[in-house]
Structures are given as structure tokens and as C-alpha cells.
C-alpha atoms as a PDB file:
ATOM      1  CA  MET A   1       0.019   0.007  -0.002  1.00  0.00           C
ATOM      2  CA  PRO A   2       2.731   2.646   0.767  1.00  0.00           C
ATOM      3  CA  VAL A   3       4.439   1.847  -2.566  1.00  0.00           C
ATOM      4  CA  GLU A   4       1.157   2.249  -4.419  1.00  0.00           C
ATOM      5  CA  LEU A   5       0.432   5.615  -2.713  1.00  0.00           C
ATOM      6  CA  THR A   6       3.945   6.834  -3.386  1.00  0.00           C
ATOM      7  CA  CYS A   7       3.641   5.907  -7.099  1.00  0.00           C
ATOM      8  CA  ALA A   8       0.239   7.544  -7.329  1.00  0.00           C
ATOM      9  CA  GLY A   9       1.586  10.670  -5.644  1.00  0.00           C
ATOM     10  CA  ILE A  10       4.548  10.808  -8.078  1.00  0.00           C
ATOM     11  CA  ILE A  11       2.343  10.425 -11.120  1.00  0.00           C
ATOM     12  CA  GLY A  12      -0.149  13.036  -9.807  1.00  0.00           C
ATOM     13  CA  THR A  13       2.656  15.490  -9.129  1.00  0.00           C
ATOM     14  CA  ILE A  14       4.142  14.916 -12.592  1.00  0.00           C
ATOM     15  CA  ILE A  15       0.779  15.444 -14.296  1.00  0.00           C
ATOM     16  CA  PHE A  16       0.219  18.717 -12.376  1.00  0.00           C
ATOM     17  CA  ALA A  17       3.735  19.869 -13.229  1.00  0.00           C
ATOM     18  CA  ILE A  18       3.146  19.180 -16.894  1.00  0.00           C
ATOM     19  CA  PHE A  19      -0.053  21.190 -16.828  1.00  0.00           C
ATOM     20  CA  GLY A  20       1.854  24.026 -15.168  1.00  0.00           C
ATOM     21  CA  ILE A  21       4.581  23.931 -17.808  1.00  0.00           C
ATOM     22  CA  ILE A  22       2.028  23.895 -20.603  1.00  0.00           C
ATOM     23  CA  ILE A  23       0.184  26.866 -19.128  1.00  0.00           C
ATOM     24  CA  HIS A  24       3.344  28.910 -18.664  1.00  0.00           C
ATOM     25  CA  TRP A  25       4.981  27.831 -21.968  1.00  0.00           C
ATOM     26  CA  PRO A  26       7.799  30.138 -22.965  1.00  0.00           C
ATOM     27  CA  GLU A  27       9.500  29.680 -26.321  1.00  0.00           C
ATOM     28  CA  ASP A  28      12.605  28.131 -24.797  1.00  0.00           C
ATOM     29  CA  ARG A  29      14.730  25.092 -25.505  1.00  0.00           C
ATOM     30  CA  LEU A  30      15.202  24.430 -21.806  1.00  0.00           C
ATOM     31  CA  VAL A  31      11.509  23.961 -21.288  1.00  0.00           C
ATOM     32  CA  SER A  32      11.225  21.591 -24.288  1.00  0.00           C
ATOM     33  CA  THR A  33      14.122  19.546 -22.939  1.00  0.00           C
ATOM     34  CA  LEU A  34      12.485  19.542 -19.484  1.00  0.00           C
ATOM     35  CA  LEU A  35       9.221  18.426 -21.082  1.00  0.00           C
ATOM     36  CA  VAL A  36      10.917  15.435 -22.709  1.00  0.00           C
ATOM     37  CA  PHE A  37      12.555  14.565 -19.360  1.00  0.00           C
ATOM     38  CA  ILE A  38       9.093  14.783 -17.602  1.00  0.00           C
ATOM     39  CA  ILE A  39       7.430  12.616 -20.248  1.00  0.00           C
ATOM     40  CA  THR A  40      10.201   9.989 -19.796  1.00  0.00           C
ATOM     41  CA  LEU A  41       9.648  10.220 -16.022  1.00  0.00           C
ATOM     42  CA  ILE A  42       5.901   9.670 -16.446  1.00  0.00           C
ATOM     43  CA  ILE A  43       6.462   6.604 -18.597  1.00  0.00           C
ATOM     44  CA  SER A  44       8.986   5.146 -16.057  1.00  0.00           C
ATOM     45  CA  SER A  45       6.556   5.924 -13.242  1.00  0.00           C
ATOM     46  CA  ILE A  46       3.728   4.094 -14.999  1.00  0.00           C
ATOM     47  CA  ILE A  47       5.974   1.103 -15.618  1.00  0.00           C
ATOM     48  CA  THR A  48       7.015   1.124 -11.918  1.00  0.00           C
ATOM     49  CA  PHE A  49       3.431   1.364 -10.898  1.00  0.00           C
ATOM     50  CA  ILE A  50       2.528  -1.658 -13.041  1.00  0.00           C
ATOM     51  CA  ILE A  51       5.444  -3.633 -11.706  1.00  0.00           C
ATOM     52  CA  THR A  52       4.397  -2.937  -8.096  1.00  0.00           C
ATOM     53  CA  ILE A  53       0.707  -3.536  -8.602  1.00  0.00           C
ATOM     54  CA  GLY A  54       1.077  -6.779 -10.605  1.00  0.00           C
ATOM     55  CA  PRO A  55       2.669  -8.976  -7.891  1.00  0.00           C
ATOM     56  CA  TYR A  56       0.592  -7.339  -5.168  1.00  0.00           C
ATOM     57  CA  SER A  57      -2.615  -8.169  -7.006  1.00  0.00           C
ATOM     58  CA  LEU A  58      -1.546 -11.750  -7.667  1.00  0.00           C
ATOM     59  CA  ILE A  59      -0.701 -12.235  -3.968  1.00  0.00           C
ATOM     60  CA  VAL A  60      -4.081 -10.803  -2.886  1.00  0.00           C
ATOM     61  CA  PHE A  61      -6.025 -12.918  -5.390  1.00  0.00           C
ATOM     62  CA  ALA A  62      -4.094 -16.008  -4.203  1.00  0.00           C
ATOM     63  CA  VAL A  63      -4.798 -15.261  -0.550  1.00  0.00           C
ATOM     64  CA  ILE A  64      -8.513 -14.725  -1.287  1.00  0.00           C
ATOM     65  CA  GLY A  65      -8.791 -17.645  -3.713  1.00  0.00           C
ATOM     66  CA  LEU A  66      -6.870 -20.239  -1.670  1.00  0.00           C
ATOM     67  CA  PRO A  67      -9.633 -20.949   0.894  1.00  0.00           C
ATOM     68  CA  CYS A  68     -12.139 -21.140  -1.923  1.00  0.00           C
ATOM     69  CA  PHE A  69     -10.126 -23.652  -3.877  1.00  0.00           C
ATOM     70  CA  THR A  70      -9.536 -25.685  -0.644  1.00  0.00           C
ATOM     71  CA  SER A  71     -13.219 -25.800   0.088  1.00  0.00           C
ATOM     72  CA  ILE A  72     -13.990 -26.774  -3.485  1.00  0.00           C
ATOM     73  CA  ASP A  73     -11.476 -29.621  -3.266  1.00  0.00           C
ATOM     74  CA  CYS A  74     -13.024 -30.807   0.012  1.00  0.00           C
ATOM     75  CA  VAL A  75     -16.589 -30.703  -1.380  1.00  0.00           C
ATOM     76  CA  LEU A  76     -15.488 -32.565  -4.499  1.00  0.00           C
ATOM     77  CA  GLY A  77     -13.564 -35.150  -2.397  1.00  0.00           C
ATOM     78  CA  ILE A  78     -16.622 -35.779  -0.218  1.00  0.00           C
ATOM     79  CA  THR A  79     -18.862 -36.026  -3.314  1.00  0.00           C
ATOM     80  CA  GLN A  80     -16.429 -38.405  -4.942  1.00  0.00           C
ATOM     81  CA  ARG A  81     -16.362 -40.741  -1.956  1.00  0.00           C
ATOM     82  CA  LYS A  82     -20.062 -40.543  -1.114  1.00  0.00           C
ATOM     83  CA  TYR A  83     -21.649 -40.555  -4.566  1.00  0.00           C
ATOM     84  CA  GLY A  84     -19.022 -42.364  -6.670  1.00  0.00           C
ATOM     85  CA  MET A  85     -17.837 -39.443  -8.837  1.00  0.00           C
ATOM     86  CA  SER A  86     -14.920 -40.486 -11.038  1.00  0.00           C
ATOM     87  CA  SER A  87     -11.506 -38.802 -10.851  1.00  0.00           C
ATOM     88  CA  ALA A  88     -11.926 -37.343 -14.351  1.00  0.00           C
ATOM     89  CA  GLU A  89     -15.251 -35.733 -13.344  1.00  0.00           C
ATOM     90  CA  ARG A  90     -13.689 -34.349 -10.170  1.00  0.00           C
ATOM     91  CA  THR A  91     -10.796 -32.818 -12.167  1.00  0.00           C
ATOM     92  CA  ILE A  92     -13.169 -31.320 -14.703  1.00  0.00           C
ATOM     93  CA  HIS A  93     -15.360 -29.852 -11.902  1.00  0.00           C
ATOM     94  CA  PHE A  94     -12.281 -28.450 -10.171  1.00  0.00           C
ATOM     95  CA  LEU A  95     -11.039 -26.799 -13.400  1.00  0.00           C
ATOM     96  CA  LEU A  96     -14.528 -25.424 -14.121  1.00  0.00           C
ATOM     97  CA  GLN A  97     -14.507 -23.786 -10.603  1.00  0.00           C
ATOM     98  CA  MET A  98     -11.546 -21.596 -11.720  1.00  0.00           C
ATOM     99  CA  ILE A  99     -13.624 -19.836 -14.484  1.00  0.00           C
ATOM    100  CA  PRO A 100     -15.611 -16.940 -13.061  1.00  0.00           C
ATOM    101  CA  VAL A 101     -19.122 -17.558 -14.565  1.00  0.00           C
ATOM    102  CA  LEU A 102     -18.860 -21.275 -14.939  1.00  0.00           C
ATOM    103  CA  ASP A 103     -18.028 -21.805 -11.263  1.00  0.00           C
ATOM    104  CA  ILE A 104     -21.617 -20.771 -10.268  1.00  0.00           C
ATOM    105  CA  ILE A 105     -23.154 -22.998 -12.922  1.00  0.00           C
ATOM    106  CA  ASP A 106     -20.929 -25.899 -12.042  1.00  0.00           C
ATOM    107  CA  GLY A 107     -21.543 -25.488  -8.313  1.00  0.00           C
ATOM    108  CA  LEU A 108     -25.318 -25.532  -8.935  1.00  0.00           C
ATOM    109  CA  TYR A 109     -24.937 -28.587 -11.205  1.00  0.00           C
ATOM    110  CA  ILE A 110     -23.045 -30.427  -8.425  1.00  0.00           C
ATOM    111  CA  SER A 111     -25.623 -29.444  -5.804  1.00  0.00           C
ATOM    112  CA  ILE A 112     -28.523 -30.594  -8.006  1.00  0.00           C
ATOM    113  CA  LYS A 113     -26.992 -33.802  -9.390  1.00  0.00           C
ATOM    114  CA  TYR A 114     -25.289 -35.188  -6.312  1.00  0.00           C
ATOM    115  CA  TRP A 115     -26.716 -33.448  -3.273  1.00  0.00           C
ATOM    116  CA  ASN A 116     -30.339 -32.876  -4.338  1.00  0.00           C
ATOM    117  CA  ARG A 117     -30.133 -29.171  -3.217  1.00  0.00           C
ATOM    118  CA  GLY A 118     -30.158 -25.893  -4.928  1.00  0.00           C
ATOM    119  CA  ARG A 119     -32.953 -26.394  -7.456  1.00  0.00           C
ATOM    120  CA  GLY A 120     -34.575 -23.061  -6.627  1.00  0.00           C
ATOM    121  CA  LEU A 121     -31.240 -21.308  -6.680  1.00  0.00           C
ATOM    122  CA  ALA A 122     -30.451 -22.885 -10.039  1.00  0.00           C
ATOM    123  CA  VAL A 123     -33.765 -21.601 -11.469  1.00  0.00           C
ATOM    124  CA  VAL A 124     -33.209 -18.040 -10.118  1.00  0.00           C
ATOM    125  CA  THR A 125     -29.617 -18.029 -11.398  1.00  0.00           C
ATOM    126  CA  ALA A 126     -30.580 -19.273 -14.859  1.00  0.00           C
ATOM    127  CA  VAL A 127     -33.408 -16.705 -15.142  1.00  0.00           C
ATOM    128  CA  PHE A 128     -31.116 -13.880 -13.990  1.00  0.00           C
ATOM    129  CA  THR A 129     -28.340 -14.996 -16.356  1.00  0.00           C
ATOM    130  CA  PHE A 130     -30.721 -15.085 -19.324  1.00  0.00           C
ATOM    131  CA  CYS A 131     -32.201 -11.683 -18.408  1.00  0.00           C
ATOM    132  CA  VAL A 132     -28.791 -10.042 -18.079  1.00  0.00           C
ATOM    133  CA  THR A 133     -27.615 -11.640 -21.335  1.00  0.00           C
ATOM    134  CA  ALA A 134     -30.779 -10.442 -23.107  1.00  0.00           C
ATOM    135  CA  LEU A 135     -30.325  -6.951 -21.668  1.00  0.00           C
ATOM    136  CA  VAL A 136     -26.698  -6.702 -22.721  1.00  0.00           C
ATOM    137  CA  LEU A 137     -27.464  -8.028 -26.187  1.00  0.00           C
ATOM    138  CA  SER A 138     -30.336  -5.574 -26.639  1.00  0.00           C
ATOM    139  CA  ILE A 139     -28.144  -2.630 -25.547  1.00  0.00           C
ATOM    140  CA  TYR A 140     -25.411  -3.770 -27.876  1.00  0.00           C
ATOM    141  CA  LEU A 141     -27.868  -4.132 -30.780  1.00  0.00           C
ATOM    142  CA  ALA A 142     -29.471  -0.787 -30.030  1.00  0.00           C
ATOM    143  CA  ASN A 143     -26.056   0.970 -30.093  1.00  0.00           C
ATOM    144  CA  ARG A 144     -24.954  -0.950 -33.143  1.00  0.00           C
ATOM    145  CA  PHE A 145     -27.961  -0.061 -35.365  1.00  0.00           C
END
């Protein structure tokens, strides 16, 4: 977090400095050289920002996702032992749980097929998904034509 705030402060200061230079633009070579230096500094700051945010985001996503993947593996293990799911089906279900929209559909499929639960939730989810898809498609078509 401190690194992110430092990078954001540097970028904000540079942007305000560029606006100040553009507003008070004299016809001088020193200012044009300074402007090139500032643009280079902005690009390097953006690259530094990306380098610091990338690993930080991956670590946060891993920390958030690890308990979810552990619980998925436990549920699939119990289902495999109790209801006779094959290892291939378990692997497919585990991989489907990593895809954002398919994880909900797959979870509902597991709860309906093996545990006889979630039928109402499956209907509500399907109706909501179809409504959102129809809404997005209609907005896209309205903007397109």
C-alpha cells in the first residue's frame, strides 16, 4: 500500500507539473528539454506502478482464492467418496471452478445432481443470467444499429 500511494503521488505531481509547464509555456529550449525529461519520467513511473501492482494483485488474489479452492477440493472429495464421482469428473469440476461464470453454474450442477439441493437457486440463477444476457445483447444491438 505505501508503494502504491507513493507511485500515485509521483504520477499526480508529474501530471500537475506538466499542466503548469504547458500553461506557462515560453519559447525556450530548456522547457522543451524539461518536457521530454518529464514525459520520460511519467512513462517510467507508469511502468514502476505496473510492476508494483502486478505482484501485489496476484498475492491478494491467491490469498483470497486459496480458501475457496480448498473448500472446492473438500466438497469434490466428499462427493467423490459418497456418490461415486470419477477422478476425471472431479478434475473437470475443479477446473470449471476456476472460471468466473462457470463456477456458479458448475456449483449448482453439483448441488442438484449429487446433493439434491439448490434447485430453486439454479432456477433463479438461470433466469437472472438469461435476463442479463438479453439486456446486454439488446443494448449492444441498439447501439450498433
